[in-house]
Amino acid sequence: MIRNLLMLLVTVVVVTAVAELLGAINFGTALTFGQIGFAAVLVWILLRRP
């Protein structure tokens, strides 16, 4: 469980940073991409559960 939570946190941080580096208009826009990444990883985690 801790691994999954850490994976979600790292995803938000990394995707937000990448969006910011690629020229997001502002930090809010970069965080939006972070949320999209979070949702994608969360769905992946939930689907791979037995």
PDB file of N, CA and C in Angstrom:
ATOM      1  N   MET A   1       0.818  -1.192   0.000  1.00  0.00           N
ATOM      2  CA  MET A   1       0.000   0.000   0.000  1.00  0.00           C
ATOM      3  C   MET A   1       0.870   1.268   0.000  1.00  0.00           C
ATOM      4  N   ILE A   2       1.924   1.247   0.805  1.00  0.00           N
ATOM      5  CA  ILE A   2       2.823   2.406   0.849  1.00  0.00           C
ATOM      6  C   ILE A   2       3.454   2.626  -0.524  1.00  0.00           C
ATOM      7  N   ARG A   3       3.790   1.521  -1.190  1.00  0.00           N
ATOM      8  CA  ARG A   3       4.390   1.628  -2.523  1.00  0.00           C
ATOM      9  C   ARG A   3       3.431   2.303  -3.497  1.00  0.00           C
ATOM     10  N   ASN A   4       2.158   1.957  -3.431  1.00  0.00           N
ATOM     11  CA  ASN A   4       1.163   2.559  -4.323  1.00  0.00           C
ATOM     12  C   ASN A   4       0.996   4.054  -4.037  1.00  0.00           C
ATOM     13  N   LEU A   5       0.958   4.417  -2.769  1.00  0.00           N
ATOM     14  CA  LEU A   5       0.829   5.831  -2.413  1.00  0.00           C
ATOM     15  C   LEU A   5       2.047   6.628  -2.860  1.00  0.00           C
ATOM     16  N   LEU A   6       3.219   6.037  -2.691  1.00  0.00           N
ATOM     17  CA  LEU A   6       4.439   6.698  -3.126  1.00  0.00           C
ATOM     18  C   LEU A   6       4.452   6.858  -4.649  1.00  0.00           C
ATOM     19  N   MET A   7       3.977   5.834  -5.354  1.00  0.00           N
ATOM     20  CA  MET A   7       3.909   5.907  -6.811  1.00  0.00           C
ATOM     21  C   MET A   7       2.972   7.034  -7.259  1.00  0.00           C
ATOM     22  N   LEU A   8       1.847   7.201  -6.578  1.00  0.00           N
ATOM     23  CA  LEU A   8       0.913   8.274  -6.916  1.00  0.00           C
ATOM     24  C   LEU A   8       1.534   9.646  -6.662  1.00  0.00           C
ATOM     25  N   LEU A   9       2.205   9.786  -5.530  1.00  0.00           N
ATOM     26  CA  LEU A   9       2.840  11.070  -5.198  1.00  0.00           C
ATOM     27  C   LEU A   9       3.945  11.417  -6.183  1.00  0.00           C
ATOM     28  N   VAL A  10       4.773  10.445  -6.507  1.00  0.00           N
ATOM     29  CA  VAL A  10       5.859  10.679  -7.456  1.00  0.00           C
ATOM     30  C   VAL A  10       5.302  11.031  -8.826  1.00  0.00           C
ATOM     31  N   THR A  11       4.215  10.393  -9.219  1.00  0.00           N
ATOM     32  CA  THR A  11       3.600  10.688 -10.515  1.00  0.00           C
ATOM     33  C   THR A  11       3.156  12.139 -10.594  1.00  0.00           C
ATOM     34  N   VAL A  12       2.491  12.627  -9.555  1.00  0.00           N
ATOM     35  CA  VAL A  12       2.028  14.016  -9.563  1.00  0.00           C
ATOM     36  C   VAL A  12       3.219  14.974  -9.670  1.00  0.00           C
ATOM     37  N   VAL A  13       4.249  14.722  -8.885  1.00  0.00           N
ATOM     38  CA  VAL A  13       5.407  15.615  -8.882  1.00  0.00           C
ATOM     39  C   VAL A  13       6.128  15.592 -10.230  1.00  0.00           C
ATOM     40  N   VAL A  14       6.364  14.408 -10.762  1.00  0.00           N
ATOM     41  CA  VAL A  14       7.119  14.292 -12.009  1.00  0.00           C
ATOM     42  C   VAL A  14       6.340  14.865 -13.185  1.00  0.00           C
ATOM     43  N   VAL A  15       5.071  14.522 -13.296  1.00  0.00           N
ATOM     44  CA  VAL A  15       4.280  15.022 -14.429  1.00  0.00           C
ATOM     45  C   VAL A  15       4.120  16.537 -14.345  1.00  0.00           C
ATOM     46  N   THR A  16       3.934  17.067 -13.149  1.00  0.00           N
ATOM     47  CA  THR A  16       3.833  18.509 -12.987  1.00  0.00           C
ATOM     48  C   THR A  16       5.142  19.193 -13.386  1.00  0.00           C
ATOM     49  N   ALA A  17       6.262  18.627 -12.947  1.00  0.00           N
ATOM     50  CA  ALA A  17       7.568  19.208 -13.289  1.00  0.00           C
ATOM     51  C   ALA A  17       7.823  19.155 -14.794  1.00  0.00           C
ATOM     52  N   VAL A  18       7.472  18.047 -15.423  1.00  0.00           N
ATOM     53  CA  VAL A  18       7.676  17.925 -16.865  1.00  0.00           C
ATOM     54  C   VAL A  18       6.800  18.922 -17.614  1.00  0.00           C
ATOM     55  N   ALA A  19       5.565  19.067 -17.189  1.00  0.00           N
ATOM     56  CA  ALA A  19       4.673  20.030 -17.841  1.00  0.00           C
ATOM     57  C   ALA A  19       5.208  21.451 -17.685  1.00  0.00           C
ATOM     58  N   GLU A  20       5.736  21.753 -16.514  1.00  0.00           N
ATOM     59  CA  GLU A  20       6.302  23.083 -16.277  1.00  0.00           C
ATOM     60  C   GLU A  20       7.538  23.310 -17.158  1.00  0.00           C
ATOM     61  N   LEU A  21       8.374  22.305 -17.261  1.00  0.00           N
ATOM     62  CA  LEU A  21       9.583  22.424 -18.092  1.00  0.00           C
ATOM     63  C   LEU A  21       9.257  22.518 -19.574  1.00  0.00           C
ATOM     64  N   LEU A  22       8.170  21.896 -19.989  1.00  0.00           N
ATOM     65  CA  LEU A  22       7.780  21.935 -21.400  1.00  0.00           C
ATOM     66  C   LEU A  22       7.006  23.195 -21.759  1.00  0.00           C
ATOM     67  N   GLY A  23       6.810  24.087 -20.793  1.00  0.00           N
ATOM     68  CA  GLY A  23       6.251  25.385 -21.111  1.00  0.00           C
ATOM     69  C   GLY A  23       4.782  25.563 -20.792  1.00  0.00           C
ATOM     70  N   ALA A  24       4.316  24.977 -19.715  1.00  0.00           N
ATOM     71  CA  ALA A  24       2.938  25.211 -19.311  1.00  0.00           C
ATOM     72  C   ALA A  24       2.765  26.704 -19.017  1.00  0.00           C
ATOM     73  N   ILE A  25       1.594  27.227 -19.329  1.00  0.00           N
ATOM     74  CA  ILE A  25       1.340  28.664 -19.211  1.00  0.00           C
ATOM     75  C   ILE A  25       1.555  29.156 -17.780  1.00  0.00           C
ATOM     76  N   ASN A  26       1.057  28.395 -16.815  1.00  0.00           N
ATOM     77  CA  ASN A  26       1.268  28.742 -15.412  1.00  0.00           C
ATOM     78  C   ASN A  26       1.300  27.463 -14.579  1.00  0.00           C
ATOM     79  N   PHE A  27       1.514  27.605 -13.286  1.00  0.00           N
ATOM     80  CA  PHE A  27       1.650  26.436 -12.416  1.00  0.00           C
ATOM     81  C   PHE A  27       0.339  25.674 -12.292  1.00  0.00           C
ATOM     82  N   GLY A  28      -0.784  26.369 -12.359  1.00  0.00           N
ATOM     83  CA  GLY A  28      -2.088  25.704 -12.295  1.00  0.00           C
ATOM     84  C   GLY A  28      -2.296  24.756 -13.462  1.00  0.00           C
ATOM     85  N   THR A  29      -1.859  25.167 -14.628  1.00  0.00           N
ATOM     86  CA  THR A  29      -1.961  24.302 -15.805  1.00  0.00           C
ATOM     87  C   THR A  29      -1.066  23.081 -15.640  1.00  0.00           C
ATOM     88  N   ALA A  30       0.125  23.284 -15.120  1.00  0.00           N
ATOM     89  CA  ALA A  30       1.032  22.156 -14.882  1.00  0.00           C
ATOM     90  C   ALA A  30       0.440  21.188 -13.865  1.00  0.00           C
ATOM     91  N   LEU A  31      -0.193  21.719 -12.810  1.00  0.00           N
ATOM     92  CA  LEU A  31      -0.835  20.850 -11.826  1.00  0.00           C
ATOM     93  C   LEU A  31      -2.002  20.073 -12.418  1.00  0.00           C
ATOM     94  N   THR A  32      -2.686  20.650 -13.394  1.00  0.00           N
ATOM     95  CA  THR A  32      -3.763  19.938 -14.057  1.00  0.00           C
ATOM     96  C   THR A  32      -3.235  18.687 -14.751  1.00  0.00           C
ATOM     97  N   PHE A  33      -2.090  18.823 -15.411  1.00  0.00           N
ATOM     98  CA  PHE A  33      -1.472  17.649 -16.024  1.00  0.00           C
ATOM     99  C   PHE A  33      -1.031  16.648 -14.961  1.00  0.00           C
ATOM    100  N   GLY A  34      -0.586  17.136 -13.821  1.00  0.00           N
ATOM    101  CA  GLY A  34      -0.239  16.250 -12.717  1.00  0.00           C
ATOM    102  C   GLY A  34      -1.441  15.465 -12.230  1.00  0.00           C
ATOM    103  N   GLN A  35      -2.597  16.114 -12.170  1.00  0.00           N
ATOM    104  CA  GLN A  35      -3.823  15.429 -11.759  1.00  0.00           C
ATOM    105  C   GLN A  35      -4.242  14.377 -12.776  1.00  0.00           C
ATOM    106  N   ILE A  36      -4.060  14.678 -14.045  1.00  0.00           N
ATOM    107  CA  ILE A  36      -4.386  13.706 -15.089  1.00  0.00           C
ATOM    108  C   ILE A  36      -3.481  12.482 -14.957  1.00  0.00           C
ATOM    109  N   GLY A  37      -2.196  12.715 -14.714  1.00  0.00           N
ATOM    110  CA  GLY A  37      -1.275  11.605 -14.489  1.00  0.00           C
ATOM    111  C   GLY A  37      -1.642  10.804 -13.252  1.00  0.00           C
ATOM    112  N   PHE A  38      -2.028  11.498 -12.176  1.00  0.00           N
ATOM    113  CA  PHE A  38      -2.467  10.841 -10.950  1.00  0.00           C
ATOM    114  C   PHE A  38      -3.657   9.931 -11.229  1.00  0.00           C
ATOM    115  N   ALA A  39      -4.646  10.437 -11.958  1.00  0.00           N
ATOM    116  CA  ALA A  39      -5.842   9.647 -12.261  1.00  0.00           C
ATOM    117  C   ALA A  39      -5.492   8.419 -13.100  1.00  0.00           C
ATOM    118  N   ALA A  40      -4.598   8.593 -14.064  1.00  0.00           N
ATOM    119  CA  ALA A  40      -4.208   7.466 -14.917  1.00  0.00           C
ATOM    120  C   ALA A  40      -3.512   6.374 -14.108  1.00  0.00           C
ATOM    121  N   VAL A  41      -2.604   6.772 -13.222  1.00  0.00           N
ATOM    122  CA  VAL A  41      -1.896   5.785 -12.407  1.00  0.00           C
ATOM    123  C   VAL A  41      -2.844   5.146 -11.396  1.00  0.00           C
ATOM    124  N   LEU A  42      -3.759   5.909 -10.847  1.00  0.00           N
ATOM    125  CA  LEU A  42      -4.731   5.347  -9.908  1.00  0.00           C
ATOM    126  C   LEU A  42      -5.598   4.293 -10.586  1.00  0.00           C
ATOM    127  N   VAL A  43      -6.060   4.565 -11.791  1.00  0.00           N
ATOM    128  CA  VAL A  43      -6.850   3.575 -12.529  1.00  0.00           C
ATOM    129  C   VAL A  43      -6.010   2.328 -12.783  1.00  0.00           C
ATOM    130  N   TRP A  44      -4.752   2.521 -13.160  1.00  0.00           N
ATOM    131  CA  TRP A  44      -3.867   1.385 -13.406  1.00  0.00           C
ATOM    132  C   TRP A  44      -3.683   0.545 -12.141  1.00  0.00           C
ATOM    133  N   ILE A  45      -3.491   1.213 -11.002  1.00  0.00           N
ATOM    134  CA  ILE A  45      -3.334   0.498  -9.725  1.00  0.00           C
ATOM    135  C   ILE A  45      -4.604  -0.283  -9.389  1.00  0.00           C
ATOM    136  N   LEU A  46      -5.751   0.341  -9.561  1.00  0.00           N
ATOM    137  CA  LEU A  46      -7.003  -0.322  -9.220  1.00  0.00           C
ATOM    138  C   LEU A  46      -7.310  -1.496 -10.145  1.00  0.00           C
ATOM    139  N   LEU A  47      -6.938  -1.389 -11.406  1.00  0.00           N
ATOM    140  CA  LEU A  47      -7.222  -2.467 -12.355  1.00  0.00           C
ATOM    141  C   LEU A  47      -6.300  -3.674 -12.173  1.00  0.00           C
ATOM    142  N   ARG A  48      -5.115  -3.461 -11.649  1.00  0.00           N
ATOM    143  CA  ARG A  48      -4.199  -4.598 -11.499  1.00  0.00           C
ATOM    144  C   ARG A  48      -4.360  -5.308 -10.165  1.00  0.00           C
ATOM    145  N   ARG A  49      -5.272  -4.846  -9.330  1.00  0.00           N
ATOM    146  CA  ARG A  49      -5.533  -5.524  -8.064  1.00  0.00           C
ATOM    147  C   ARG A  49      -6.225  -6.861  -8.328  1.00  0.00           C
ATOM    148  N   PRO A  50      -5.885  -7.884  -7.538  1.00  0.00           N
ATOM    149  CA  PRO A  50      -6.506  -9.210  -7.762  1.00  0.00           C
ATOM    150  C   PRO A  50      -7.967  -9.247  -7.388  1.00  0.00           C
TER     151      PRO A  50
END
